[in-house]
Protein backbone atom coordinates (compact mmCIF):
# COMPACT_ATOMS: atom_id res chain seq x y z
CA MET A 1 94.96 88.81 101.89
CA SER A 2 93.15 87.27 104.86
CA LYS A 3 94.53 84.10 106.33
CA PRO A 4 92.67 81.14 104.77
CA VAL A 5 91.36 78.42 107.04
CA VAL A 6 93.03 75.74 104.96
CA SER A 7 95.96 74.56 107.02
CA ILE A 8 94.65 71.01 107.04
CA TRP A 9 92.70 70.93 103.81
CA GLY A 10 95.42 72.68 101.84
CA THR A 11 96.33 75.82 99.93
CA PRO A 12 96.82 76.29 96.19
CA PRO A 13 100.40 76.31 94.91
CA GLY A 14 101.84 79.75 94.34
CA THR A 15 99.83 81.49 97.07
CA GLU A 16 101.59 83.18 99.94
CA SER A 17 102.31 81.01 102.98
CA THR A 18 100.57 82.43 106.04
CA ALA A 19 101.94 79.96 108.58
CA THR A 20 103.15 81.78 111.68
CA GLN A 21 106.19 79.53 112.19
CA ALA A 22 108.09 76.67 110.64
CA ALA A 23 106.97 73.28 111.88
CA PRO A 24 109.53 72.28 114.57
CA SER A 25 109.83 68.61 113.61
CA ASP A 26 112.47 66.38 115.19
CA ALA A 27 112.95 64.16 112.15
CA THR A 28 111.90 64.00 108.52
CA TRP A 29 111.30 60.75 106.67
CA ASP A 30 111.47 60.82 102.90
CA LEU A 31 108.87 58.45 101.50
CA ARG A 32 108.13 57.47 97.94
CA ASN A 33 105.66 60.16 96.75
CA GLY A 34 105.42 61.69 100.19
CA THR A 35 107.07 62.86 103.41
CA ALA A 36 106.54 62.25 107.12
CA TRP A 37 107.48 64.80 109.77
CA VAL A 38 108.09 63.41 113.27
CA PHE A 39 107.45 65.33 116.49
CA HIS A 40 108.75 63.41 119.52
CA SER A 41 107.03 63.64 122.87
CA SER A 42 110.29 64.57 124.61
CA SER A 43 113.51 66.25 123.51
CA ASP A 44 115.80 63.37 124.51
CA GLN A 45 114.16 60.83 122.17
CA GLU A 46 115.76 59.39 119.07
CA HIS A 47 112.85 57.10 118.14
CA VAL A 48 109.06 57.08 118.49
CA LYS A 49 107.44 55.35 121.44
CA ARG A 50 103.67 56.00 121.24
CA PRO A 51 103.12 57.02 117.61
CA VAL A 52 100.10 58.87 116.22
CA ILE A 53 100.14 59.15 112.41
CA LEU A 54 97.93 61.93 111.04
CA SER A 55 97.49 62.21 107.27
CA ASP A 56 97.05 65.44 105.34
CA GLY A 57 93.93 65.88 103.22
CA PHE A 58 92.92 66.90 99.72
CA SER A 59 94.21 69.95 97.86
CA PRO A 60 96.32 70.73 94.80
CA GLY A 61 100.06 70.19 94.93
CA ALA A 62 102.27 68.91 97.70
CA THR A 63 101.75 69.13 101.45
CA ASN A 64 103.04 72.30 103.09
CA VAL A 65 103.99 71.04 106.54
CA ASP A 66 104.26 74.54 107.99
CA LEU A 67 100.62 75.28 107.10
CA LEU A 68 99.49 71.83 108.24
CA TYR A 69 101.21 72.22 111.59
CA ASP A 70 99.99 75.80 111.96
CA GLY A 71 96.37 74.76 111.52
CA LEU A 72 96.67 72.00 114.09
CA GLU A 73 98.72 73.86 116.67
CA ASN A 74 98.13 77.60 116.48
CA GLY A 75 94.37 77.85 116.28
CA ALA A 76 91.84 77.56 119.09
CA TYR A 77 93.33 74.30 120.38
CA PRO A 78 97.04 73.30 120.42
CA PHE A 79 96.46 69.75 119.20
CA VAL A 80 100.03 68.67 118.43
CA SER A 81 101.57 69.94 121.67
CA THR A 82 98.69 68.52 123.72
CA LEU A 83 99.30 65.09 122.20
CA ARG A 84 103.03 65.41 122.85
CA ASP A 85 102.49 66.54 126.45
CA SER A 86 100.30 63.45 126.87
CA GLY A 87 103.21 61.19 125.84
CA PHE A 88 102.36 60.66 122.18
CA ASP A 89 104.74 61.08 119.26
CA VAL A 90 103.02 62.87 116.39
CA ILE A 91 103.82 61.97 112.78
CA LEU A 92 102.33 64.29 110.16
CA LEU A 93 102.03 62.48 106.84
CA GLY A 94 102.13 64.51 103.64
CA PHE A 95 101.95 63.76 99.93
CA ASP A 96 103.74 65.01 96.84
CA ASP A 97 100.33 65.27 95.16
CA ARG A 98 97.32 65.62 97.44
CA SER A 99 94.93 65.34 94.52
CA ALA A 100 96.29 61.96 93.39
CA ALA A 101 94.08 58.89 93.53
CA ILE A 102 93.30 57.75 97.07
CA PRO A 103 94.73 54.22 96.62
CA ASP A 104 97.97 55.75 95.28
CA ASN A 105 98.43 57.93 98.36
CA ALA A 106 97.43 54.94 100.50
CA GLU A 107 100.71 53.37 99.36
CA VAL A 108 102.51 56.36 100.91
CA ALA A 109 100.55 55.79 104.12
CA ILE A 110 101.48 52.10 104.14
CA GLU A 111 105.17 52.99 103.80
CA CYS A 112 104.80 55.47 106.66
CA ILE A 113 103.12 52.87 108.90
CA LEU A 114 105.87 50.32 108.25
CA ARG A 115 108.56 52.95 108.78
CA THR A 116 106.95 53.90 112.08
CA ILE A 117 106.93 50.30 113.28
CA ALA A 118 110.61 49.94 112.33
CA ASP A 119 111.54 53.18 114.16
CA ARG A 120 109.49 52.48 117.29
CA THR A 121 111.05 51.47 120.60
CA GLY A 122 108.84 49.28 122.75
CA SER A 123 105.56 47.74 121.67
CA ALA A 124 102.98 50.51 122.08
CA PRO A 125 100.36 50.22 119.32
CA LEU A 126 99.93 52.87 116.66
CA THR A 127 97.12 55.33 116.13
CA VAL A 128 96.60 55.98 112.40
CA GLY A 129 94.16 58.38 110.75
CA GLY A 130 93.76 61.63 108.93
CA PHE A 131 91.87 64.77 108.06
CA SER A 132 89.24 64.83 105.31
CA MET A 133 90.61 62.73 102.41
CA GLY A 134 93.44 61.69 104.73
CA GLY A 135 90.92 59.62 106.66
CA LEU A 136 90.00 57.75 103.47
CA VAL A 137 93.67 57.28 102.56
CA THR A 138 94.52 55.72 105.92
CA ARG A 139 91.28 53.72 106.07
CA TYR A 140 92.20 52.16 102.73
CA ALA A 141 95.84 51.64 103.77
CA LEU A 142 94.97 49.79 107.00
CA ALA A 143 92.32 47.68 105.28
CA LYS A 144 94.78 46.75 102.51
CA LEU A 145 97.46 45.73 105.02
CA GLU A 146 94.93 43.45 106.73
CA ARG A 147 93.85 42.04 103.37
CA GLN A 148 97.49 41.21 102.64
CA ARG A 149 97.87 39.72 106.13
CA MET A 150 100.53 42.25 107.08
CA GLN A 151 100.81 43.51 110.64
CA HIS A 152 99.98 47.20 110.96
CA GLU A 153 100.12 47.08 114.79
CA THR A 154 97.44 49.78 114.94
CA SER A 155 94.93 49.80 117.78
CA THR A 156 93.04 52.98 116.85
CA TYR A 157 91.90 54.43 113.54
CA LEU A 158 90.85 58.10 113.57
CA SER A 159 89.05 60.19 110.96
CA TYR A 160 88.53 63.96 111.20
CA ASP A 161 85.57 65.20 109.12
CA THR A 162 86.24 62.52 106.52
CA PRO A 163 83.67 62.04 103.70
CA HIS A 164 83.06 58.33 104.32
CA ARG A 165 79.74 58.51 102.45
CA GLY A 166 80.81 61.18 99.98
CA ALA A 167 81.41 64.93 99.84
CA TRP A 168 79.23 67.65 98.31
CA LEU A 169 80.30 70.44 95.98
CA PRO A 170 77.43 72.41 94.41
CA LEU A 171 76.88 71.25 90.84
CA GLY A 172 76.51 74.80 89.60
CA VAL A 173 79.93 75.68 91.05
CA GLN A 174 81.48 72.64 89.37
CA ALA A 175 79.91 73.49 86.02
CA PHE A 176 80.89 77.17 86.18
CA ALA A 177 84.52 76.29 86.97
CA HIS A 178 84.66 74.05 83.88
CA TYR A 179 82.81 76.63 81.78
CA VAL A 180 85.41 79.28 82.66
CA LYS A 181 88.37 77.01 81.96
CA ASP A 182 86.95 75.75 78.66
CA ARG A 183 86.41 79.28 77.32
CA TRP A 184 89.10 81.43 78.92
CA GLY A 185 91.63 79.06 80.46
CA GLY A 186 94.58 77.23 79.01
CA GLU A 187 98.33 77.69 79.16
CA GLY A 188 99.34 80.79 81.08
CA LYS A 189 95.92 81.17 82.76
CA PRO A 190 96.44 79.30 86.06
CA LEU A 191 93.60 80.96 87.99
CA TYR A 192 91.08 80.11 85.28
CA ASN A 193 92.31 76.50 85.26
CA LEU A 194 92.88 75.79 88.95
CA TYR A 195 89.38 75.11 90.27
CA SER A 196 88.30 73.06 87.25
CA ASP A 197 91.48 71.01 87.39
CA LEU A 198 90.98 70.43 91.12
CA ILE A 199 87.40 69.24 90.60
CA ASN A 200 88.51 66.86 87.84
CA SER A 201 91.49 65.46 89.77
CA PRO A 202 91.51 61.74 90.62
CA ALA A 203 90.92 62.29 94.35
CA ALA A 204 88.01 64.70 93.81
CA ARG A 205 86.32 62.28 91.42
CA GLN A 206 86.63 59.59 94.09
CA MET A 207 85.44 61.72 97.03
CA LEU A 208 82.55 63.67 95.52
CA ARG A 209 79.16 61.91 95.64
CA TRP A 210 78.12 63.77 92.45
CA HIS A 211 80.61 64.99 89.89
CA LEU A 212 80.42 67.07 86.72
CA ALA A 213 83.35 66.95 84.32
CA THR A 214 82.22 69.71 81.96
CA GLY A 215 80.29 72.97 81.93
CA THR A 216 77.75 72.08 79.28
CA ASP A 217 73.94 71.77 79.41
CA THR A 218 72.92 68.87 81.60
CA THR A 219 70.10 67.50 83.74
CA LEU A 220 71.28 65.33 86.61
CA ASP A 221 69.08 62.99 88.64
CA VAL A 222 70.00 62.30 92.26
CA ALA A 223 70.46 58.60 91.49
CA ALA A 224 73.00 59.38 88.75
CA GLY A 225 76.09 61.51 88.44
CA GLN A 226 78.56 59.37 90.34
CA ASP A 227 81.88 59.43 88.54
CA GLN A 228 83.24 56.08 87.41
CA ALA A 229 86.38 56.78 89.42
CA ARG A 230 84.28 56.88 92.62
CA THR A 231 82.50 53.66 91.70
CA ASP A 232 85.84 51.97 91.06
CA PHE A 233 87.28 53.28 94.33
CA LEU A 234 84.33 52.07 96.38
CA ASP A 235 84.60 48.66 94.70
CA ALA A 236 88.31 48.53 95.52
CA LEU A 237 87.65 49.56 99.13
CA GLU A 238 85.03 46.81 99.40
CA ARG A 239 87.55 44.26 98.13
CA MET A 240 89.90 45.35 100.91
CA GLY A 241 87.19 44.70 103.50
CA ASP A 242 85.64 48.20 103.46
CA TRP A 243 87.04 49.07 106.90
CA PRO A 244 90.04 47.83 108.86
CA GLN A 245 88.75 45.15 111.21
CA ILE A 246 91.41 45.17 113.93
CA PRO A 247 91.54 48.78 115.22
CA ARG A 248 88.98 50.69 117.22
CA LEU A 249 87.32 53.08 114.76
CA LEU A 250 86.93 56.69 115.94
CA GLY A 251 85.68 59.74 114.06
CA VAL A 252 84.63 63.35 114.51
CA SER A 253 82.47 65.68 112.45
CA ASN A 254 82.68 69.46 112.13
CA GLY A 255 78.90 69.40 111.74
CA THR A 256 76.12 69.03 114.26
CA GLY A 257 74.59 65.69 115.13
CA THR A 258 71.20 67.12 116.07
CA GLY A 259 69.90 67.63 112.54
CA ALA A 260 70.30 71.42 112.78
CA GLY A 261 71.57 72.86 109.51
CA ASN A 262 73.61 75.99 108.79
CA ASN A 263 70.67 78.25 107.80
CA ILE A 264 71.61 78.49 104.12
CA PRO A 265 68.22 78.43 102.38
CA ALA A 266 67.50 76.10 99.49
CA ASP A 267 66.88 77.20 95.89
CA THR A 268 68.16 80.73 96.51
CA PRO A 269 70.63 82.78 94.45
CA ALA A 270 74.12 82.29 95.87
CA LEU A 271 75.88 84.26 93.13
CA GLU A 272 74.64 86.66 90.48
CA SER A 273 77.12 88.28 88.14
CA SER A 274 76.78 90.10 84.85
CA GLY A 275 79.22 91.96 82.66
CA PRO A 276 80.73 92.27 79.24
CA THR A 277 82.21 88.76 79.24
CA VAL A 278 79.81 86.45 81.03
CA ALA A 279 76.50 86.46 82.88
CA ALA A 280 76.00 83.82 85.55
CA GLN A 281 73.54 82.89 88.26
CA LEU A 282 74.30 80.05 90.68
CA ARG A 283 71.64 78.88 93.12
CA THR A 284 71.76 76.78 96.28
CA GLN A 285 70.52 73.24 95.89
CA GLY A 286 66.76 72.72 96.22
CA ARG A 287 64.48 69.72 96.14
CA GLY A 288 62.33 68.70 93.20
CA SER A 289 63.27 69.84 89.70
CA ARG A 290 65.57 72.83 89.95
CA THR A 291 67.89 74.90 87.78
CA VAL A 292 71.09 75.43 89.81
CA ALA A 293 73.12 77.37 87.24
CA ARG A 294 72.63 79.66 84.26
CA MET A 295 75.65 80.82 82.24
CA ARG A 296 75.77 82.88 79.06
CA GLU A 297 78.25 84.78 76.93
CA PRO A 298 76.99 87.69 74.83
CA GLU A 299 75.22 86.52 71.69
CA GLN A 300 75.56 82.88 72.74
CA ALA A 301 72.95 80.38 73.86
CA GLU A 302 72.39 80.08 77.59
CA ILE A 303 73.76 76.98 79.32
CA THR A 304 71.76 75.56 82.22
CA ILE A 305 72.49 72.94 84.88
CA ASN A 306 69.32 71.23 86.11
CA THR A 307 68.79 68.72 88.91
CA THR A 308 65.95 66.42 89.96
CA GLY A 309 65.39 64.65 93.25
CA PHE A 310 68.28 66.19 95.21
CA PRO A 311 68.02 67.05 98.92
CA GLU A 312 68.84 70.51 100.28
CA LEU A 313 72.55 69.81 100.57
CA ASP A 314 74.04 73.29 100.89
CA GLY A 315 72.32 73.96 104.21
CA ALA A 316 72.68 70.46 105.66
CA PRO A 317 74.45 69.77 108.97
CA GLY A 318 78.15 69.26 108.29
CA GLY A 319 81.59 70.76 107.90
CA LEU A 320 81.56 73.89 105.74
CA PHE A 321 83.62 74.04 102.56
CA PRO A 322 87.09 75.38 103.42
CA GLU A 323 88.40 78.74 102.33
CA LEU A 324 90.74 78.87 99.36
CA LEU A 325 92.00 81.94 97.52
CA GLY A 326 91.94 85.05 99.67
CA GLY A 327 89.38 83.53 102.01
CA ALA A 328 86.93 82.65 99.22
CA SER A 329 85.09 79.34 99.45
CA ASN A 330 83.10 77.46 96.77
CA PHE A 331 80.56 80.12 95.74
CA GLY A 332 83.19 82.70 96.61
CA VAL A 333 85.73 81.21 94.22
CA ALA A 334 83.07 81.21 91.50
CA ALA A 335 82.48 84.92 92.21
CA MET A 336 86.21 85.56 92.00
CA LEU A 337 86.33 83.93 88.56
CA ALA A 338 83.32 85.94 87.36
CA ASN A 339 84.89 89.16 88.60
CA LEU A 340 88.19 88.40 86.88
CA LEU A 341 86.31 88.03 83.61
CA ASN A 342 83.93 90.95 84.04
CA GLY A 343 86.15 93.36 85.91
CA GLY A 344 83.50 93.52 88.62
CA THR A 345 83.24 93.31 92.39
CA THR A 346 80.33 90.91 92.77
CA GLN A 347 80.06 89.33 96.21
CA PRO A 348 78.37 85.95 96.66
CA THR A 349 75.27 85.82 98.82
CA TYR A 350 76.71 82.69 100.43
CA ASN A 351 80.46 82.17 100.35
CA ALA A 352 80.48 78.57 101.60
CA SER A 353 78.12 75.65 101.93
CA THR A 354 78.24 72.20 103.48
CA PHE A 355 81.12 70.12 102.14
CA VAL A 356 81.06 66.97 104.31
CA PRO A 357 77.59 66.30 105.72
CA THR A 358 77.60 65.02 109.28
CA VAL A 359 76.06 61.68 108.33
CA SER A 360 78.95 61.15 105.92
CA ALA A 361 81.66 62.09 108.43
CA VAL A 362 80.34 59.71 111.11
CA ALA A 363 79.24 57.05 108.59
CA THR A 364 75.62 56.78 109.71
CA GLY A 365 73.83 57.26 106.40
CA GLY A 366 73.99 58.24 102.77
CA ILE A 367 73.72 61.86 101.71
CA ASP A 368 71.15 61.30 98.93
CA ASP A 369 68.10 61.62 101.19
CA HIS A 370 66.85 64.88 102.70
CA ASP A 371 65.36 63.35 105.84
CA THR A 372 68.57 61.42 106.55
CA LEU A 373 70.67 64.57 106.22
CA TYR A 374 68.51 66.60 108.60
CA SER A 375 67.80 63.94 111.24
CA LYS A 376 69.57 63.41 114.53
CA VAL A 377 72.43 60.99 113.92
CA ASP A 378 71.84 57.44 115.09
CA ALA A 379 74.95 56.10 116.84
CA ASP A 380 73.77 52.51 116.43
CA SER A 381 73.82 52.84 112.64
CA SER A 382 77.40 54.14 112.41
CA ASP A 383 80.24 52.07 110.98
CA LEU A 384 82.46 53.72 113.60
CA HIS A 385 82.77 52.39 117.13
CA ASP A 386 82.58 55.88 118.61
CA PHE A 387 82.28 59.42 117.29
CA LEU A 388 81.64 63.03 118.28
CA CYS A 389 79.75 65.71 116.37
CA ALA A 390 80.38 69.42 116.83
CA THR A 391 77.96 71.59 118.80
CA ALA A 392 77.64 73.97 115.84
CA ASN A 393 78.37 73.63 112.13
CA GLU A 394 81.90 74.91 111.55
CA GLY A 395 84.65 74.95 108.95
CA HIS A 396 85.71 71.64 107.45
CA THR A 397 88.70 70.15 109.37
CA VAL A 398 88.98 73.17 111.70
CA MET A 399 90.66 72.01 114.92
CA THR A 400 88.53 73.01 117.91
CA PRO A 401 88.86 72.42 121.67
CA GLU A 402 85.64 70.42 121.61
CA LEU A 403 86.84 67.90 119.04
CA GLY A 404 90.52 67.98 119.94
CA GLU A 405 89.97 67.32 123.64
CA TRP A 406 87.65 64.41 122.85
CA ILE A 407 90.27 62.81 120.60
CA VAL A 408 93.07 63.21 123.13
CA ALA A 409 90.90 61.73 125.89
CA LYS A 410 89.98 58.74 123.71
CA LEU A 411 93.62 58.08 122.82
CA LYS A 412 94.67 58.27 126.47
CA GLU A 413 92.05 55.63 127.32
CA ALA A 414 93.79 53.01 125.16
């Protein structure tokens, strides 16, 4: 099994750990519904001095700190050790359930922030942020503390490829995952259940701009399809002030800021599978009126998923959907499910697609409009005070020298 690029985004429970080493934390804090692992900047410390809290992101199950640390430290850029060598104490924040509702995990983040303040020696301000959903969790936590007039003592907020304006998961992939679970899943069939359950989890419903809960015939207009859980979350975030007002707001995107996409063409077959159990065709998202999925069992009526008014989201600038089982991504996981049912070896034409569009990660525009997605980002329109976009579209939450060095430099400026 190839090593999945999911150390930050997560790995499904029950899969083999591919971390190269155990995370060498100096202290572990047990939190209600979560855990924080502390990495001091020097070996003679007993308490934090210049704390940087970094929250894990979305995935099923609990945080695996060894995988989280491995992804941050042992890739192309040693992010944790560089921060420590620069005098910062790194606190990796994990959750017992990474697919729980964002406001629920924000309570874990609040406890971690208060614990950090209590443990700190001196008065150096905190940096608080996270990867993917972790950026939304900590954004909500800091805003709630301000709303409650509680001191978070945070001078910098940081988000790493966070879907501030929503994430994208192809609607055909969502529908096929539910279709498979509804017909062949259930107790004792974890692989048939996993992807559907993940899509229908509270956090996914809150993060995804468009969500499908079932794999039945549907036609979805671009203006519709937002899950009620996302509407409720955005309303709750607005009540908290939308953004924390005190810290400097920083963010990075794993996508380009030039408007250059990832060369995945629109309205093109991404997966075609046929066999004795199910026939399926999933297509990349196109503009106009499009059929993005066809699914049929033998001697049963075909089920179609149709869309109207959507932009070409799969090829848009942004962080690419992370790898999950055996290196498979969104279309790849759908192919894996089809092959399990049909006993085949179908390979998807496109394994991944854009997950967090650049304009969402740097909070410059909504992802509903094609021209907005494919335009050069406008720094003046961002809700962030400063941000950096990647030179090329790359994997969602992958730690790179380009983005890591920029973050470290910005934190050292404070």
